[in-house]
Amino acid sequence: MGLFDKIKSIFTSEEQEKKSEEQDTPTEVSESDDATDDSDLETIETIDQEKVEEPLSKEEVKSLEDEVAVTSDETVKQVDKPEVEGLHSSEESNTAETSDEPQRKTQTFSEVEASARAEAEQYKEGLKKSRRSFTRRLNELFSNFRYEDEEFFEELEDLLIESDVGFEATMYISEVMRYEAKVENIRSMKDAERVLVRTMVDLYGDTNPDYVEFNENSTGLTVLLFVGVNGVGKTTTIAKMAHQYIKAGKKVMLAAGDTFRAGAIEQLHVWGERVGAEVISSQQGGDPAAVVYDGLEQAKKNGADVLMIDTAGRLQNKKNLMNELEKMKRVVSREVPDAPHETLLVLDATTGQNALNQAKIFKDTTDVTGIVLTKMDGTAKGGIVLAIGKELGIPVKFVGLGETMEDLHKFDTEKFAYGLFRDLLEQTV
């Protein structure tokens, strides 16, 4: 099943739930049934009372007295037997635990389900600007849909490029649309929109798999290296991720490897104090590799779970940047085997094509394992994810959907595509 079919089924099920909620009315318990049950109980009680009130014969009385005597003897014997200490209470507690266990599982499942719904809602809200802009522009374009008019397809390509979808993804989508228009005999605006949405959603699924592993060291120190140009939200991203780790009970330390930008060290110290993470730093202009070494030593000494390393983002001299990052990586891998576990490139989604160009440079400069897209809530162009996936093949691992500490999310292709195309799905499904 393609990503489009998955999202379509989600949307369809949501619509069905809404309809069923509107149609369903609470079923009242019939009072006549209750009355019948009560009358039956009264009848049974009356019969029992009648039986008790019947006079007993002498033989029956004698037999009853003998039974009572035997029962009393057995009771005395049972009391005399020593009871194994704790056995009864243990059985009772086990029974209680067993009865509580399904309830705990249900609550846990409900909590997970509620969390997933909340995250889906955050994707929907965070992508609102992109969704509304893209839907409006597509509706305007498709209102003049002409399946045999080359000008229409050229306008579609312009729209996709302007939405930061990227050249390769745009050409692919355009070719699919041309093919479908001729072979499948698409004639209506609604059919054309459906083909476009299906093609784009499935392309999101192809370029960004459902599950992308985030590498962490389960038995020791996890080292994360953050790269990116100045101003993309790199330091803020480090703080948000540190906050989430600390919230999960992890001990986090930060290393101020950007020793060149004025104010970078102070900024990281401010964020460290806010989230509760110790910051290792040097004077401005110091050796970044030396800071990284100190950070690793302190992290191991203090039993930290995670060390996050900030780096400089100078693209003016690509060779110097590459040498600096490679030196830092050598220090990290020497002190912690298999580290850094992730090298995350932070990109500002609002910069569009510039972000794509930055990604190409950093890909050539160092081994980027994943991308963090910040400020997705501030752009009307949501196509950058497609461009990155199609042209670079680097997975998006985190996405920023707001300004609070909780608004950094692990990237979910399904939730992202649904949040971006929900309005169009409503029109075409």
Protein backbone atom coordinates (compact mmCIF):
# COMPACT_ATOMS: atom_id res chain seq x y z
CA MET A 1 0.00 0.00 0.00
CA GLY A 2 1.39 3.38 -1.04
CA LEU A 3 1.52 6.36 1.28
CA PHE A 4 -1.42 7.97 -0.54
CA ASP A 5 -3.65 4.94 0.10
CA LYS A 6 -2.64 4.93 3.79
CA ILE A 7 -3.46 8.60 4.23
CA LYS A 8 -6.66 8.25 2.22
CA SER A 9 -7.81 5.44 4.51
CA ILE A 10 -7.01 7.60 7.57
CA PHE A 11 -8.99 10.50 6.15
CA THR A 12 -11.90 8.24 5.16
CA SER A 13 -12.02 6.63 8.61
CA GLU A 14 -12.04 10.07 10.26
CA GLU A 15 -14.98 11.12 8.11
CA GLN A 16 -16.83 7.90 8.93
CA GLU A 17 -16.23 8.43 12.65
CA LYS A 18 -17.69 11.93 12.42
CA LYS A 19 -20.78 10.64 10.61
CA SER A 20 -21.29 7.77 13.05
CA GLU A 21 -20.97 10.15 16.02
CA GLU A 22 -23.63 12.37 14.50
CA GLN A 23 -25.97 9.45 13.79
CA ASP A 24 -25.51 7.57 17.05
CA THR A 25 -27.91 8.41 19.88
CA PRO A 26 -27.55 7.11 23.45
CA THR A 27 -29.65 3.99 24.05
CA GLU A 28 -31.85 4.32 27.16
CA VAL A 29 -32.41 1.35 29.43
CA SER A 30 -36.03 0.26 29.36
CA GLU A 31 -37.79 0.87 32.66
CA SER A 32 -40.21 -1.94 31.89
CA ASP A 33 -37.29 -4.39 31.73
CA ASP A 34 -36.07 -3.19 35.13
CA ALA A 35 -39.55 -3.50 36.52
CA THR A 36 -39.84 -7.05 35.15
CA ASP A 37 -36.51 -7.99 36.70
CA ASP A 38 -37.55 -6.53 40.05
CA SER A 39 -40.87 -8.35 40.00
CA ASP A 40 -39.09 -11.62 39.22
CA LEU A 41 -36.77 -11.12 42.18
CA GLU A 42 -39.72 -10.34 44.45
CA THR A 43 -41.45 -13.52 43.28
CA ILE A 44 -38.36 -15.63 44.02
CA GLU A 45 -37.98 -14.06 47.47
CA THR A 46 -41.66 -14.71 48.21
CA ILE A 47 -41.31 -18.36 47.22
CA ASP A 48 -38.19 -18.74 49.41
CA GLN A 49 -39.98 -17.17 52.35
CA GLU A 50 -42.94 -19.47 51.88
CA LYS A 51 -40.60 -22.47 51.92
CA VAL A 52 -38.91 -21.33 55.13
CA GLU A 53 -42.18 -20.64 56.88
CA GLU A 54 -43.53 -24.20 56.31
CA PRO A 55 -43.57 -26.23 59.62
CA LEU A 56 -40.92 -28.96 59.88
CA SER A 57 -41.59 -32.50 61.05
CA LYS A 58 -39.75 -34.03 64.07
CA GLU A 59 -37.68 -36.25 61.77
CA GLU A 60 -36.59 -33.23 59.68
CA VAL A 61 -35.68 -31.27 62.80
CA LYS A 62 -33.56 -34.18 64.11
CA SER A 63 -31.78 -34.54 60.75
CA LEU A 64 -31.09 -30.80 60.61
CA GLU A 65 -29.60 -30.83 64.14
CA ASP A 66 -27.25 -33.69 63.18
CA GLU A 67 -26.06 -31.79 60.07
CA VAL A 68 -25.35 -28.68 62.14
CA ALA A 69 -23.30 -30.72 64.63
CA VAL A 70 -21.19 -32.29 61.86
CA THR A 71 -20.59 -28.90 60.24
CA SER A 72 -19.49 -27.42 63.57
CA ASP A 73 -16.93 -30.22 64.10
CA GLU A 74 -15.47 -29.70 60.61
CA THR A 75 -15.22 -25.98 61.23
CA VAL A 76 -13.31 -26.53 64.47
CA LYS A 77 -10.89 -28.90 62.72
CA GLN A 78 -10.26 -26.37 59.95
CA VAL A 79 -9.48 -23.66 62.47
CA ASP A 80 -7.00 -25.95 64.27
CA LYS A 81 -5.00 -26.45 61.03
CA PRO A 82 -2.04 -24.02 60.81
CA GLU A 83 -2.37 -21.62 57.88
CA VAL A 84 0.69 -21.01 55.70
CA GLU A 85 1.72 -17.45 56.38
CA GLY A 86 1.16 -15.04 53.53
CA LEU A 87 -0.33 -17.65 51.18
CA HIS A 88 -3.82 -16.28 51.27
CA SER A 89 -2.74 -12.65 50.96
CA SER A 90 -0.37 -13.57 48.14
CA GLU A 91 -3.13 -15.23 46.16
CA GLU A 92 -5.40 -12.30 46.75
CA SER A 93 -2.75 -9.82 45.67
CA ASN A 94 -1.98 -11.90 42.58
CA THR A 95 -5.66 -11.92 41.74
CA ALA A 96 -5.81 -8.18 42.25
CA GLU A 97 -2.76 -7.65 40.08
CA THR A 98 -4.21 -9.87 37.38
CA SER A 99 -7.46 -7.96 37.44
CA ASP A 100 -5.62 -4.63 37.32
CA GLU A 101 -3.26 -5.65 34.52
CA PRO A 102 -5.75 -5.35 31.64
CA GLN A 103 -6.76 -1.96 32.97
CA ARG A 104 -3.13 -0.77 33.04
CA LYS A 105 -2.60 -2.00 29.48
CA THR A 106 -5.72 -0.21 28.34
CA GLN A 107 -4.59 3.01 29.99
CA THR A 108 -1.13 2.72 28.43
CA PHE A 109 -2.63 2.15 25.00
CA SER A 110 -4.97 5.09 25.50
CA GLU A 111 -2.06 7.31 26.48
CA VAL A 112 -0.07 6.27 23.40
CA GLU A 113 -3.10 6.83 21.19
CA ALA A 114 -3.72 10.26 22.74
CA SER A 115 -0.06 11.19 22.23
CA ALA A 116 -0.20 10.14 18.57
CA ARG A 117 -3.37 12.16 18.02
CA ALA A 118 -1.81 15.20 19.69
CA GLU A 119 1.29 14.94 17.52
CA ALA A 120 -0.83 14.59 14.37
CA GLU A 121 -2.70 17.72 15.41
CA GLN A 122 0.61 19.56 15.89
CA TYR A 123 1.67 18.55 12.38
CA LYS A 124 -1.66 19.78 11.06
CA GLU A 125 -1.35 23.10 12.90
CA GLY A 126 2.36 23.56 12.14
CA LEU A 127 1.85 23.01 8.40
CA LYS A 128 -1.26 25.18 8.20
CA LYS A 129 0.49 28.02 6.40
CA SER A 130 1.97 25.74 3.73
CA ARG A 131 -1.25 23.74 3.38
CA ARG A 132 -3.50 26.75 2.86
CA SER A 133 -1.13 28.44 0.41
CA PHE A 134 -0.55 25.29 -1.64
CA THR A 135 -4.25 24.38 -1.72
CA ARG A 136 -5.29 27.87 -2.80
CA ARG A 137 -2.71 28.07 -5.59
CA LEU A 138 -3.52 24.59 -6.89
CA ASN A 139 -7.25 25.32 -6.92
CA GLU A 140 -6.60 28.46 -8.94
CA LEU A 141 -4.45 26.52 -11.40
CA PHE A 142 -6.80 23.55 -11.78
CA SER A 143 -9.82 25.77 -12.30
CA ASN A 144 -8.36 26.27 -15.77
CA PHE A 145 -7.32 22.64 -16.26
CA ARG A 146 -6.77 21.80 -19.92
CA TYR A 147 -5.51 18.28 -20.41
CA GLU A 148 -4.17 18.93 -23.93
CA ASP A 149 -2.72 22.38 -23.23
CA GLU A 150 1.06 22.41 -22.74
CA GLU A 151 0.79 25.81 -21.11
CA PHE A 152 -1.11 24.26 -18.20
CA PHE A 153 1.71 21.82 -17.44
CA GLU A 154 4.29 24.60 -17.65
CA GLU A 155 2.28 26.61 -15.13
CA LEU A 156 2.11 23.53 -12.89
CA GLU A 157 5.89 23.18 -13.05
CA ASP A 158 6.34 26.84 -12.12
CA LEU A 159 4.01 26.43 -9.14
CA LEU A 160 5.90 23.38 -7.87
CA ILE A 161 9.29 25.04 -8.27
CA GLU A 162 8.02 28.11 -6.39
CA SER A 163 6.80 25.78 -3.63
CA ASP A 164 10.40 24.52 -3.14
CA VAL A 165 9.61 21.06 -4.48
CA GLY A 166 12.89 21.12 -6.41
CA PHE A 167 13.69 20.58 -10.08
CA GLU A 168 13.97 16.78 -10.11
CA ALA A 169 10.78 16.19 -8.16
CA THR A 170 8.93 18.79 -10.26
CA MET A 171 9.92 17.13 -13.54
CA TYR A 172 8.90 13.73 -12.22
CA ILE A 173 5.48 14.98 -11.09
CA SER A 174 4.93 16.80 -14.38
CA GLU A 175 5.76 13.69 -16.41
CA VAL A 176 3.32 11.58 -14.38
CA MET A 177 0.58 14.19 -14.89
CA ARG A 178 1.15 14.28 -18.65
CA TYR A 179 1.07 10.49 -18.85
CA GLU A 180 -2.09 10.17 -16.76
CA ALA A 181 -3.83 12.89 -18.79
CA LYS A 182 -3.23 11.03 -22.04
CA VAL A 183 -3.44 7.37 -21.02
CA GLU A 184 -6.08 7.54 -18.28
CA ASN A 185 -8.15 10.14 -20.13
CA ILE A 186 -8.26 12.64 -17.28
CA ARG A 187 -10.76 15.30 -18.15
CA SER A 188 -12.12 16.86 -14.97
CA MET A 189 -10.46 19.21 -12.50
CA LYS A 190 -11.19 16.85 -9.61
CA ASP A 191 -9.57 13.86 -11.34
CA ALA A 192 -6.50 15.93 -12.20
CA GLU A 193 -6.14 17.12 -8.59
CA ARG A 194 -6.52 13.56 -7.34
CA VAL A 195 -3.70 12.34 -9.60
CA LEU A 196 -1.43 15.20 -8.52
CA VAL A 197 -2.05 14.65 -4.80
CA ARG A 198 -1.57 10.88 -5.11
CA THR A 199 1.68 11.36 -7.05
CA MET A 200 3.11 13.88 -4.58
CA VAL A 201 2.09 11.94 -1.47
CA ASP A 202 3.56 8.69 -2.81
CA LEU A 203 6.72 10.59 -3.73
CA TYR A 204 7.01 11.73 -0.10
CA GLY A 205 6.76 8.08 0.91
CA ASP A 206 9.36 6.95 -1.63
CA THR A 207 11.94 9.61 -0.72
CA ASN A 208 11.34 9.49 3.06
CA PRO A 209 10.76 5.97 4.43
CA ASP A 210 8.19 5.35 7.17
CA TYR A 211 10.87 4.54 9.71
CA VAL A 212 14.32 6.13 9.83
CA GLU A 213 16.61 4.85 12.56
CA PHE A 214 18.05 7.43 14.93
CA ASN A 215 21.39 6.06 16.11
CA GLU A 216 22.03 6.10 19.84
CA ASN A 217 24.47 4.27 22.09
CA SER A 218 22.37 2.06 24.34
CA THR A 219 25.31 1.01 26.52
CA GLY A 220 27.22 4.26 26.94
CA LEU A 221 27.64 7.86 25.85
CA THR A 222 25.68 9.02 22.79
CA VAL A 223 27.46 11.78 20.84
CA LEU A 224 25.47 14.02 18.49
CA LEU A 225 27.21 16.50 16.17
CA PHE A 226 25.19 19.46 14.86
CA VAL A 227 26.23 21.30 11.69
CA GLY A 228 24.66 24.14 9.71
CA VAL A 229 25.11 27.79 8.82
CA ASN A 230 24.53 30.58 11.31
CA GLY A 231 20.95 31.69 11.83
CA VAL A 232 19.14 28.46 10.96
CA GLY A 233 18.17 27.68 14.57
CA LYS A 234 21.00 25.25 15.31
CA THR A 235 21.57 26.27 18.94
CA THR A 236 17.83 26.37 19.61
CA THR A 237 17.47 22.91 18.10
CA ILE A 238 20.20 21.61 20.42
CA ALA A 239 18.37 23.11 23.40
CA LYS A 240 15.01 21.61 22.39
CA MET A 241 16.49 18.16 21.88
CA ALA A 242 18.39 18.41 25.17
CA HIS A 243 15.14 19.35 26.92
CA GLN A 244 13.41 16.27 25.54
CA TYR A 245 16.27 13.98 26.58
CA ILE A 246 16.31 15.46 30.09
CA LYS A 247 12.54 15.11 30.30
CA ALA A 248 13.02 11.42 29.49
CA GLY A 249 15.43 11.08 32.43
CA LYS A 250 18.73 11.34 30.55
CA LYS A 251 21.76 13.32 31.70
CA VAL A 252 22.80 15.72 28.93
CA MET A 253 25.90 17.86 28.42
CA LEU A 254 26.62 20.43 25.71
CA ALA A 255 29.93 21.34 24.06
CA ALA A 256 30.31 24.84 22.57
CA GLY A 257 32.30 23.94 19.46
CA ASP A 258 31.41 27.19 17.66
CA THR A 259 34.27 29.31 18.98
CA PHE A 260 34.27 31.81 16.10
CA ARG A 261 30.83 33.44 16.03
CA ALA A 262 30.47 36.30 18.48
CA GLY A 263 27.96 35.40 21.18
CA ALA A 264 27.70 31.71 20.21
CA ILE A 265 29.26 30.47 23.45
CA GLU A 266 27.14 32.76 25.64
CA GLN A 267 24.00 31.74 23.76
CA LEU A 268 24.64 28.05 24.39
CA HIS A 269 25.30 28.77 28.09
CA VAL A 270 21.95 30.56 28.36
CA TRP A 271 20.12 27.63 26.80
CA GLY A 272 22.04 25.18 28.97
CA GLU A 273 20.88 26.95 32.13
CA ARG A 274 17.28 26.98 30.89
CA VAL A 275 17.07 23.27 30.15
CA GLY A 276 19.39 22.09 32.93
CA ALA A 277 22.37 20.89 30.89
CA GLU A 278 26.02 21.60 31.75
CA VAL A 279 27.96 23.42 29.01
CA ILE A 280 31.66 22.85 28.29
CA SER A 281 33.33 25.80 26.53
CA SER A 282 36.50 27.83 26.04
CA GLN A 283 37.30 31.43 25.21
CA GLN A 284 36.14 32.84 21.89
CA GLY A 285 38.60 31.98 19.13
CA GLY A 286 39.78 28.79 20.85
CA ASP A 287 40.37 25.44 19.18
CA PRO A 288 36.98 23.72 18.58
CA ALA A 289 38.58 20.26 18.65
CA ALA A 290 40.02 21.00 22.11
CA VAL A 291 36.55 21.98 23.34
CA VAL A 292 35.14 18.75 21.96
CA TYR A 293 37.86 16.75 23.74
CA ASP A 294 37.12 18.50 27.05
CA GLY A 295 33.41 17.88 26.54
CA LEU A 296 33.97 14.16 25.94
CA GLU A 297 36.21 13.83 29.01
CA GLN A 298 33.73 15.64 31.26
CA ALA A 299 30.77 13.70 29.86
CA LYS A 300 32.46 10.35 30.57
CA LYS A 301 33.65 11.50 34.00
CA ASN A 302 30.18 12.72 35.04
CA GLY A 303 28.32 9.72 33.63
CA ALA A 304 26.39 11.69 31.02
CA ASP A 305 24.08 9.82 28.64
CA VAL A 306 24.22 12.33 25.79
CA LEU A 307 26.78 14.89 24.59
CA MET A 308 25.60 17.42 22.00
CA ILE A 309 28.25 19.34 20.08
CA ASP A 310 27.60 22.73 18.50
CA THR A 311 29.81 23.70 15.54
CA ALA A 312 30.64 26.77 13.47
CA GLY A 313 28.71 27.37 10.26
CA ARG A 314 31.16 29.26 8.10
CA LEU A 315 30.61 28.52 4.41
CA GLN A 316 32.92 31.30 3.20
CA ASN A 317 35.85 28.89 3.19
CA LYS A 318 34.63 25.39 2.43
CA LYS A 319 38.09 23.84 2.84
CA ASN A 320 38.61 25.27 6.33
CA LEU A 321 35.14 24.14 7.39
CA MET A 322 35.77 20.62 6.11
CA ASN A 323 39.14 20.40 7.89
CA GLU A 324 37.62 21.69 11.13
CA LEU A 325 34.74 19.19 11.09
CA GLU A 326 37.02 16.29 10.19
CA LYS A 327 39.36 17.16 13.06
CA MET A 328 36.45 17.23 15.50
CA LYS A 329 35.19 13.89 14.21
CA ARG A 330 38.60 12.30 14.64
CA VAL A 331 38.70 13.42 18.26
CA VAL A 332 35.19 12.07 18.87
CA SER A 333 35.79 8.67 17.25
CA ARG A 334 39.08 8.26 19.12
CA GLU A 335 37.45 8.87 22.52
CA VAL A 336 34.12 7.12 21.86
CA PRO A 337 34.10 4.22 19.37
CA ASP A 338 31.48 4.48 16.57
CA ALA A 339 30.85 8.13 17.42
CA PRO A 340 29.50 10.57 16.46
CA HIS A 341 26.36 8.48 16.37
CA GLU A 342 24.53 11.16 14.37
CA THR A 343 25.74 14.15 12.35
CA LEU A 344 22.64 16.31 12.00
CA LEU A 345 22.42 19.12 9.46
CA VAL A 346 20.08 21.89 10.63
CA LEU A 347 18.25 23.76 7.83
CA ASP A 348 15.84 26.69 7.92
CA ALA A 349 12.77 25.62 5.93
CA THR A 350 11.81 29.23 5.21
CA THR A 351 14.93 29.73 3.04
CA GLY A 352 13.77 27.26 0.40
CA GLN A 353 16.28 26.78 -2.39
CA ASN A 354 19.06 28.26 -0.25
CA ALA A 355 18.51 25.46 2.27
CA LEU A 356 18.86 22.92 -0.52
CA ASN A 357 22.13 24.52 -1.67
CA GLN A 358 23.45 24.48 1.91
CA ALA A 359 22.58 20.80 2.19
CA LYS A 360 24.56 20.04 -0.97
CA ILE A 361 27.63 21.85 0.40
CA PHE A 362 27.53 20.12 3.79
CA LYS A 363 26.94 16.76 2.11
CA ASP A 364 30.17 17.29 0.17
CA THR A 365 31.94 18.54 3.30
CA THR A 366 31.07 15.85 5.85
CA ASP A 367 29.03 12.68 6.33
CA VAL A 368 25.57 14.00 7.15
CA THR A 369 23.36 11.25 8.60
CA GLY A 370 20.14 13.24 8.93
CA ILE A 371 18.47 16.62 8.56
CA VAL A 372 16.60 18.77 11.06
CA LEU A 373 14.15 21.13 9.33
CA THR A 374 13.37 24.15 11.52
CA LYS A 375 10.65 26.81 11.21
CA MET A 376 8.28 24.67 9.12
CA ASP A 377 5.42 26.55 10.75
CA GLY A 378 6.76 29.83 9.34
CA THR A 379 6.84 28.94 5.65
CA ALA A 380 4.12 28.81 3.01
CA LYS A 381 6.28 26.43 0.97
CA GLY A 382 6.26 22.86 2.22
CA GLY A 383 8.00 21.23 -0.74
CA ILE A 384 11.53 21.39 0.66
CA VAL A 385 11.22 17.86 2.12
CA LEU A 386 10.55 16.47 -1.36
CA ALA A 387 13.52 18.33 -2.82
CA ILE A 388 15.88 17.05 -0.11
CA GLY A 389 14.71 13.47 -0.48
CA LYS A 390 14.73 13.42 -4.28
CA GLU A 391 17.98 15.30 -4.92
CA LEU A 392 20.11 14.44 -1.89
CA GLY A 393 18.81 11.19 -0.49
CA ILE A 394 19.41 12.38 3.09
CA PRO A 395 16.59 11.46 5.48
CA VAL A 396 14.78 14.20 7.39
CA LYS A 397 14.92 13.03 11.02
CA PHE A 398 13.42 15.97 12.93
CA VAL A 399 11.10 18.83 12.07
CA GLY A 400 10.37 22.04 13.98
CA LEU A 401 6.68 22.94 14.02
CA GLY A 402 6.64 25.83 16.49
CA GLU A 403 8.59 27.94 18.95
CA THR A 404 8.07 26.06 22.23
CA MET A 405 10.44 23.45 23.67
CA GLU A 406 7.94 20.70 22.81
CA ASP A 407 7.64 21.63 19.12
CA LEU A 408 10.60 19.61 17.83
CA HIS A 409 9.30 16.27 16.53
CA LYS A 410 10.80 13.16 15.05
CA PHE A 411 9.90 13.36 11.38
CA ASP A 412 6.88 11.24 10.48
CA THR A 413 6.29 11.01 6.72
CA GLU A 414 2.65 9.99 7.08
CA LYS A 415 1.75 12.75 9.53
CA PHE A 416 3.69 15.32 7.48
CA ALA A 417 2.02 14.43 4.18
CA TYR A 418 -1.40 14.29 5.83
CA GLY A 419 -0.87 17.68 7.47
CA LEU A 420 0.24 19.20 4.16
CA PHE A 421 -2.40 17.71 1.85
CA ARG A 422 -5.39 17.33 4.16
CA ASP A 423 -7.45 20.08 2.50
CA LEU A 424 -6.79 18.67 -0.97
CA LEU A 425 -7.72 15.19 0.22
CA GLU A 426 -11.01 16.57 1.47
CA GLN A 427 -11.70 17.91 -2.02
CA THR A 428 -10.66 14.82 -3.97
CA VAL A 429 -11.58 11.78 -1.83
